[in-house]
Amino acid sequence: MKEKFIRFMQGRYGGADKLNTHLMYLLFILAIIVLFTSSKVCMILSLLLMIYIYFRIFSRNIYKRYQENQKYLQLIAPITKKVNFFKNKRKDKTHKYYKCPTCKQVVRVPKGRGKIEISCPKCNTKFIKRT
């Protein structure tokens, strides 16, 4: 049975990408909403979403599914970038982060130095901040 499934999935997209993962999360949230509210609209939307997810998984047009995922990744890139920045900023206990008032470049400086003059590496603007 396992070999039959492997043969069936050969040449198919498979769907282990970011778009399908996020669609699955959305489907899970819609399923919870349907569970508590019995909303017909959410039920139909979740059914259509499930059909679309299975369509992407079993699709033989790998290039097209890959392009869809790349467009989605470009769409969410600014959000992902901000989330990763805040995650790294929260983990970093030895540095503070400031934005340059001129070019908005993020500058990392060590904590515990008092008032220091910070020089932006991009535009060479100098500004004073407390660390």
N, C-alpha and C. Protein backbone atom coordinates (compact mmCIF):
# COMPACT_ATOMS: atom_id res chain seq x y z
N MET A 1 0.82 -1.19 0.00
CA MET A 1 0.00 0.00 0.00
C MET A 1 0.87 1.26 0.00
N LYS A 2 1.95 1.20 0.76
CA LYS A 2 2.86 2.34 0.85
C LYS A 2 3.50 2.61 -0.51
N GLU A 3 3.89 1.56 -1.19
CA GLU A 3 4.52 1.73 -2.50
C GLU A 3 3.53 2.30 -3.52
N LYS A 4 2.27 1.90 -3.44
CA LYS A 4 1.25 2.42 -4.35
C LYS A 4 1.07 3.92 -4.13
N PHE A 5 1.05 4.32 -2.88
CA PHE A 5 0.91 5.75 -2.58
C PHE A 5 2.13 6.54 -3.07
N ILE A 6 3.31 5.99 -2.90
CA ILE A 6 4.53 6.65 -3.36
C ILE A 6 4.50 6.80 -4.88
N ARG A 7 4.09 5.73 -5.57
CA ARG A 7 3.98 5.81 -7.04
C ARG A 7 2.93 6.84 -7.46
N PHE A 8 1.81 6.88 -6.73
CA PHE A 8 0.74 7.84 -7.03
C PHE A 8 1.23 9.28 -6.87
N MET A 9 2.05 9.54 -5.86
CA MET A 9 2.50 10.91 -5.58
C MET A 9 3.70 11.34 -6.43
N GLN A 10 4.32 10.42 -7.14
CA GLN A 10 5.44 10.80 -7.99
C GLN A 10 4.97 11.74 -9.09
N GLY A 11 5.70 12.83 -9.25
CA GLY A 11 5.35 13.81 -10.26
C GLY A 11 4.28 14.79 -9.81
N ARG A 12 3.90 14.72 -8.56
CA ARG A 12 2.90 15.64 -8.01
C ARG A 12 3.60 16.62 -7.07
N TYR A 13 2.92 17.75 -6.82
CA TYR A 13 3.54 18.83 -6.05
C TYR A 13 3.79 18.44 -4.59
N GLY A 14 2.83 17.84 -3.94
CA GLY A 14 3.02 17.41 -2.55
C GLY A 14 2.58 18.43 -1.53
N GLY A 15 2.83 19.70 -1.79
CA GLY A 15 2.26 20.76 -0.98
C GLY A 15 2.93 21.07 0.33
N ALA A 16 4.17 20.72 0.53
CA ALA A 16 4.84 21.05 1.78
C ALA A 16 5.54 22.40 1.66
N ASP A 17 4.75 23.46 1.39
CA ASP A 17 5.33 24.79 1.27
C ASP A 17 4.63 25.75 2.22
N LYS A 18 5.09 26.98 2.26
CA LYS A 18 4.59 27.98 3.20
C LYS A 18 3.13 28.33 2.93
N LEU A 19 2.75 28.43 1.67
CA LEU A 19 1.37 28.77 1.33
C LEU A 19 0.41 27.70 1.83
N ASN A 20 0.70 26.44 1.57
CA ASN A 20 -0.17 25.37 2.05
C ASN A 20 -0.20 25.31 3.57
N THR A 21 0.93 25.55 4.20
CA THR A 21 0.97 25.55 5.67
C THR A 21 0.06 26.63 6.23
N HIS A 22 0.14 27.83 5.68
CA HIS A 22 -0.70 28.92 6.17
C HIS A 22 -2.17 28.70 5.83
N LEU A 23 -2.43 28.08 4.68
CA LEU A 23 -3.81 27.74 4.34
C LEU A 23 -4.37 26.71 5.32
N MET A 24 -3.53 25.77 5.74
CA MET A 24 -3.96 24.78 6.74
C MET A 24 -4.29 25.45 8.08
N TYR A 25 -3.46 26.41 8.48
CA TYR A 25 -3.75 27.16 9.71
C TYR A 25 -5.08 27.89 9.60
N LEU A 26 -5.32 28.52 8.44
CA LEU A 26 -6.58 29.22 8.23
C LEU A 26 -7.75 28.24 8.26
N LEU A 27 -7.57 27.09 7.67
CA LEU A 27 -8.61 26.06 7.68
C LEU A 27 -8.92 25.61 9.10
N PHE A 28 -7.88 25.45 9.91
CA PHE A 28 -8.07 25.06 11.31
C PHE A 28 -8.85 26.12 12.07
N ILE A 29 -8.51 27.39 11.85
CA ILE A 29 -9.23 28.48 12.52
C ILE A 29 -10.69 28.51 12.07
N LEU A 30 -10.93 28.34 10.77
CA LEU A 30 -12.31 28.31 10.28
C LEU A 30 -13.08 27.12 10.84
N ALA A 31 -12.41 25.99 11.00
CA ALA A 31 -13.08 24.81 11.57
C ALA A 31 -13.49 25.07 13.01
N ILE A 32 -12.66 25.76 13.75
CA ILE A 32 -13.01 26.09 15.14
C ILE A 32 -14.18 27.07 15.17
N ILE A 33 -14.19 28.04 14.26
CA ILE A 33 -15.30 28.99 14.19
C ILE A 33 -16.59 28.26 13.85
N VAL A 34 -16.53 27.34 12.89
CA VAL A 34 -17.72 26.56 12.52
C VAL A 34 -18.19 25.71 13.70
N LEU A 35 -17.26 25.17 14.45
CA LEU A 35 -17.61 24.33 15.60
C LEU A 35 -18.42 25.10 16.64
N PHE A 36 -18.05 26.36 16.87
CA PHE A 36 -18.72 27.14 17.92
C PHE A 36 -19.91 27.95 17.42
N THR A 37 -19.92 28.32 16.14
CA THR A 37 -21.00 29.19 15.66
C THR A 37 -21.96 28.52 14.69
N SER A 38 -21.59 27.41 14.10
CA SER A 38 -22.39 26.72 13.07
C SER A 38 -22.73 27.64 11.90
N SER A 39 -21.78 28.47 11.53
CA SER A 39 -21.97 29.41 10.44
C SER A 39 -21.85 28.70 9.09
N LYS A 40 -22.88 28.87 8.27
CA LYS A 40 -22.88 28.24 6.94
C LYS A 40 -21.81 28.85 6.04
N VAL A 41 -21.61 30.15 6.16
CA VAL A 41 -20.62 30.83 5.32
C VAL A 41 -19.22 30.31 5.64
N CYS A 42 -18.89 30.20 6.91
CA CYS A 42 -17.58 29.68 7.31
C CYS A 42 -17.43 28.21 6.91
N MET A 43 -18.52 27.46 6.97
CA MET A 43 -18.46 26.05 6.59
C MET A 43 -18.16 25.91 5.10
N ILE A 44 -18.85 26.70 4.27
CA ILE A 44 -18.62 26.65 2.82
C ILE A 44 -17.21 27.14 2.49
N LEU A 45 -16.79 28.21 3.17
CA LEU A 45 -15.44 28.73 2.96
C LEU A 45 -14.37 27.71 3.34
N SER A 46 -14.58 27.02 4.46
CA SER A 46 -13.61 26.01 4.87
C SER A 46 -13.60 24.82 3.91
N LEU A 47 -14.75 24.46 3.39
CA LEU A 47 -14.81 23.37 2.41
C LEU A 47 -14.07 23.75 1.13
N LEU A 48 -14.29 24.97 0.64
CA LEU A 48 -13.58 25.43 -0.55
C LEU A 48 -12.08 25.52 -0.31
N LEU A 49 -11.71 25.96 0.87
CA LEU A 49 -10.30 26.04 1.21
C LEU A 49 -9.67 24.65 1.26
N MET A 50 -10.37 23.68 1.80
CA MET A 50 -9.88 22.31 1.85
C MET A 50 -9.71 21.74 0.44
N ILE A 51 -10.67 22.02 -0.44
CA ILE A 51 -10.58 21.55 -1.82
C ILE A 51 -9.36 22.17 -2.50
N TYR A 52 -9.14 23.46 -2.26
CA TYR A 52 -7.99 24.14 -2.87
C TYR A 52 -6.67 23.57 -2.34
N ILE A 53 -6.61 23.26 -1.06
CA ILE A 53 -5.39 22.67 -0.48
C ILE A 53 -5.11 21.31 -1.12
N TYR A 54 -6.13 20.47 -1.23
CA TYR A 54 -5.94 19.16 -1.87
C TYR A 54 -5.59 19.29 -3.35
N PHE A 55 -6.18 20.29 -4.00
CA PHE A 55 -5.83 20.54 -5.40
C PHE A 55 -4.35 20.86 -5.53
N ARG A 56 -3.84 21.70 -4.64
CA ARG A 56 -2.42 22.05 -4.68
C ARG A 56 -1.54 20.84 -4.36
N ILE A 57 -1.96 20.01 -3.42
CA ILE A 57 -1.16 18.84 -3.04
C ILE A 57 -1.06 17.84 -4.19
N PHE A 58 -2.18 17.56 -4.86
CA PHE A 58 -2.20 16.53 -5.89
C PHE A 58 -1.94 17.06 -7.31
N SER A 59 -1.63 18.33 -7.43
CA SER A 59 -1.41 18.93 -8.74
C SER A 59 -0.14 18.38 -9.40
N ARG A 60 -0.20 18.16 -10.69
CA ARG A 60 0.97 17.73 -11.46
C ARG A 60 1.74 18.92 -12.03
N ASN A 61 1.14 20.10 -12.00
CA ASN A 61 1.79 21.29 -12.52
C ASN A 61 2.66 21.90 -11.41
N ILE A 62 3.82 21.31 -11.22
CA ILE A 62 4.71 21.69 -10.12
C ILE A 62 5.19 23.13 -10.29
N TYR A 63 5.52 23.52 -11.51
CA TYR A 63 6.02 24.87 -11.75
C TYR A 63 4.99 25.92 -11.35
N LYS A 64 3.74 25.71 -11.67
CA LYS A 64 2.67 26.65 -11.36
C LYS A 64 2.48 26.77 -9.84
N ARG A 65 2.49 25.63 -9.14
CA ARG A 65 2.35 25.66 -7.68
C ARG A 65 3.55 26.36 -7.03
N TYR A 66 4.74 26.13 -7.59
CA TYR A 66 5.94 26.79 -7.09
C TYR A 66 5.84 28.30 -7.28
N GLN A 67 5.34 28.74 -8.42
CA GLN A 67 5.17 30.17 -8.68
C GLN A 67 4.16 30.79 -7.71
N GLU A 68 3.07 30.07 -7.43
CA GLU A 68 2.09 30.56 -6.46
C GLU A 68 2.74 30.77 -5.11
N ASN A 69 3.54 29.80 -4.70
CA ASN A 69 4.20 29.90 -3.40
C ASN A 69 5.19 31.07 -3.39
N GLN A 70 5.93 31.28 -4.47
CA GLN A 70 6.88 32.39 -4.53
C GLN A 70 6.17 33.74 -4.46
N LYS A 71 5.05 33.88 -5.14
CA LYS A 71 4.27 35.12 -5.06
C LYS A 71 3.78 35.36 -3.64
N TYR A 72 3.33 34.29 -2.98
CA TYR A 72 2.86 34.42 -1.61
C TYR A 72 4.01 34.82 -0.68
N LEU A 73 5.17 34.22 -0.87
CA LEU A 73 6.33 34.57 -0.04
C LEU A 73 6.73 36.03 -0.25
N GLN A 74 6.66 36.53 -1.47
CA GLN A 74 6.95 37.94 -1.73
C GLN A 74 5.91 38.83 -1.07
N LEU A 75 4.67 38.38 -1.04
CA LEU A 75 3.61 39.16 -0.43
C LEU A 75 3.79 39.29 1.07
N ILE A 76 4.20 38.22 1.74
CA ILE A 76 4.34 38.25 3.19
C ILE A 76 5.76 38.58 3.65
N ALA A 77 6.67 38.86 2.73
CA ALA A 77 8.07 39.14 3.09
C ALA A 77 8.22 40.30 4.07
N PRO A 78 7.52 41.44 3.89
CA PRO A 78 7.68 42.52 4.86
C PRO A 78 7.23 42.13 6.27
N ILE A 79 6.16 41.36 6.35
CA ILE A 79 5.65 40.92 7.65
C ILE A 79 6.64 39.96 8.29
N THR A 80 7.14 39.00 7.51
CA THR A 80 8.10 38.03 8.01
C THR A 80 9.38 38.72 8.48
N LYS A 81 9.81 39.72 7.74
CA LYS A 81 11.02 40.45 8.09
C LYS A 81 10.86 41.15 9.43
N LYS A 82 9.71 41.81 9.65
CA LYS A 82 9.47 42.50 10.91
C LYS A 82 9.36 41.52 12.08
N VAL A 83 8.66 40.43 11.87
CA VAL A 83 8.51 39.43 12.93
C VAL A 83 9.87 38.87 13.33
N ASN A 84 10.69 38.52 12.35
CA ASN A 84 12.03 38.00 12.64
C ASN A 84 12.90 39.04 13.33
N PHE A 85 12.77 40.31 12.94
CA PHE A 85 13.54 41.37 13.59
C PHE A 85 13.17 41.48 15.06
N PHE A 86 11.87 41.47 15.37
CA PHE A 86 11.45 41.59 16.76
C PHE A 86 11.81 40.35 17.58
N LYS A 87 11.78 39.18 16.96
CA LYS A 87 12.21 37.96 17.66
C LYS A 87 13.68 38.06 18.03
N ASN A 88 14.52 38.46 17.07
CA ASN A 88 15.95 38.57 17.33
C ASN A 88 16.25 39.68 18.32
N LYS A 89 15.50 40.77 18.24
CA LYS A 89 15.70 41.89 19.17
C LYS A 89 15.37 41.48 20.60
N ARG A 90 14.32 40.70 20.76
CA ARG A 90 13.93 40.25 22.09
C ARG A 90 14.94 39.27 22.68
N LYS A 91 15.55 38.46 21.84
CA LYS A 91 16.54 37.49 22.31
C LYS A 91 17.86 38.15 22.68
N ASP A 92 18.18 39.28 22.05
CA ASP A 92 19.47 39.95 22.25
C ASP A 92 19.43 40.78 23.52
N LYS A 93 20.04 40.28 24.57
CA LYS A 93 20.05 40.97 25.86
C LYS A 93 21.23 41.93 26.02
N THR A 94 22.20 41.87 25.13
CA THR A 94 23.41 42.68 25.29
C THR A 94 23.46 43.90 24.38
N HIS A 95 22.45 44.09 23.52
CA HIS A 95 22.46 45.22 22.60
C HIS A 95 21.11 45.91 22.56
N LYS A 96 21.13 47.21 22.17
CA LYS A 96 19.91 47.97 21.92
C LYS A 96 19.88 48.32 20.45
N TYR A 97 18.69 48.51 19.93
CA TYR A 97 18.51 48.81 18.52
C TYR A 97 17.86 50.18 18.38
N TYR A 98 18.43 51.01 17.51
CA TYR A 98 17.89 52.33 17.23
C TYR A 98 17.79 52.52 15.72
N LYS A 99 16.85 53.38 15.31
CA LYS A 99 16.73 53.72 13.90
C LYS A 99 17.39 55.07 13.68
N CYS A 100 18.13 55.16 12.60
CA CYS A 100 18.75 56.42 12.21
C CYS A 100 17.64 57.43 11.88
N PRO A 101 17.71 58.65 12.44
CA PRO A 101 16.65 59.63 12.15
C PRO A 101 16.62 60.09 10.70
N THR A 102 17.70 59.92 9.98
CA THR A 102 17.76 60.38 8.59
C THR A 102 17.31 59.32 7.60
N CYS A 103 17.96 58.15 7.64
CA CYS A 103 17.69 57.12 6.61
C CYS A 103 16.90 55.92 7.13
N LYS A 104 16.58 55.90 8.42
CA LYS A 104 15.80 54.83 9.06
C LYS A 104 16.51 53.48 9.09
N GLN A 105 17.82 53.48 8.90
CA GLN A 105 18.63 52.26 9.02
C GLN A 105 18.67 51.84 10.49
N VAL A 106 18.52 50.56 10.77
CA VAL A 106 18.58 50.05 12.14
C VAL A 106 20.05 49.89 12.53
N VAL A 107 20.38 50.46 13.70
CA VAL A 107 21.75 50.42 14.20
C VAL A 107 21.75 49.68 15.53
N ARG A 108 22.66 48.73 15.68
CA ARG A 108 22.77 47.95 16.91
C ARG A 108 23.94 48.50 17.73
N VAL A 109 23.66 48.82 19.01
CA VAL A 109 24.71 49.33 19.89
C VAL A 109 24.70 48.54 21.19
N PRO A 110 25.86 48.42 21.86
CA PRO A 110 25.91 47.66 23.11
C PRO A 110 25.17 48.37 24.24
N LYS A 111 24.54 47.59 25.12
CA LYS A 111 23.83 48.15 26.27
C LYS A 111 24.81 48.55 27.37
N GLY A 112 24.35 49.43 28.25
CA GLY A 112 25.10 49.77 29.45
C GLY A 112 26.26 50.72 29.24
N ARG A 113 26.25 51.52 28.21
CA ARG A 113 27.35 52.46 27.96
C ARG A 113 26.96 53.90 28.29
N GLY A 114 25.75 54.13 28.80
CA GLY A 114 25.30 55.49 29.08
C GLY A 114 24.92 56.19 27.79
N LYS A 115 25.08 57.55 27.79
CA LYS A 115 24.80 58.31 26.57
C LYS A 115 25.99 58.19 25.64
N ILE A 116 25.70 57.74 24.42
CA ILE A 116 26.78 57.62 23.44
C ILE A 116 26.38 58.26 22.13
N GLU A 117 27.36 58.64 21.36
CA GLU A 117 27.12 59.17 20.03
C GLU A 117 27.17 57.99 19.05
N ILE A 118 26.07 57.80 18.34
CA ILE A 118 25.96 56.69 17.41
C ILE A 118 26.13 57.24 16.00
N SER A 119 26.95 56.56 15.23
CA SER A 119 27.18 56.94 13.84
C SER A 119 26.51 55.91 12.94
N CYS A 120 25.62 56.38 12.07
CA CYS A 120 24.92 55.48 11.15
C CYS A 120 25.90 54.96 10.11
N PRO A 121 25.96 53.63 9.90
CA PRO A 121 26.89 53.09 8.91
C PRO A 121 26.48 53.38 7.46
N LYS A 122 25.22 53.71 7.26
CA LYS A 122 24.73 53.91 5.90
C LYS A 122 24.93 55.36 5.43
N CYS A 123 24.51 56.33 6.27
CA CYS A 123 24.55 57.73 5.83
C CYS A 123 25.52 58.58 6.66
N ASN A 124 26.19 57.98 7.64
CA ASN A 124 27.17 58.64 8.51
C ASN A 124 26.58 59.77 9.35
N THR A 125 25.28 59.77 9.58
CA THR A 125 24.65 60.74 10.47
C THR A 125 24.98 60.36 11.90
N LYS A 126 25.30 61.35 12.72
CA LYS A 126 25.61 61.10 14.12
C LYS A 126 24.43 61.56 14.97
N PHE A 127 24.02 60.71 15.92
CA PHE A 127 22.95 61.04 16.85
C PHE A 127 23.28 60.46 18.20
N ILE A 128 22.74 61.08 19.27
CA ILE A 128 23.05 60.68 20.64
C ILE A 128 21.85 59.96 21.23
N LYS A 129 22.12 58.81 21.82
CA LYS A 129 21.09 58.01 22.48
C LYS A 129 21.65 57.42 23.75
N ARG A 130 20.75 57.08 24.68
CA ARG A 130 21.14 56.43 25.93
C ARG A 130 21.01 54.93 25.77
N THR A 131 22.07 54.21 26.16
CA THR A 131 22.04 52.76 26.08
C THR A 131 21.93 52.22 27.49
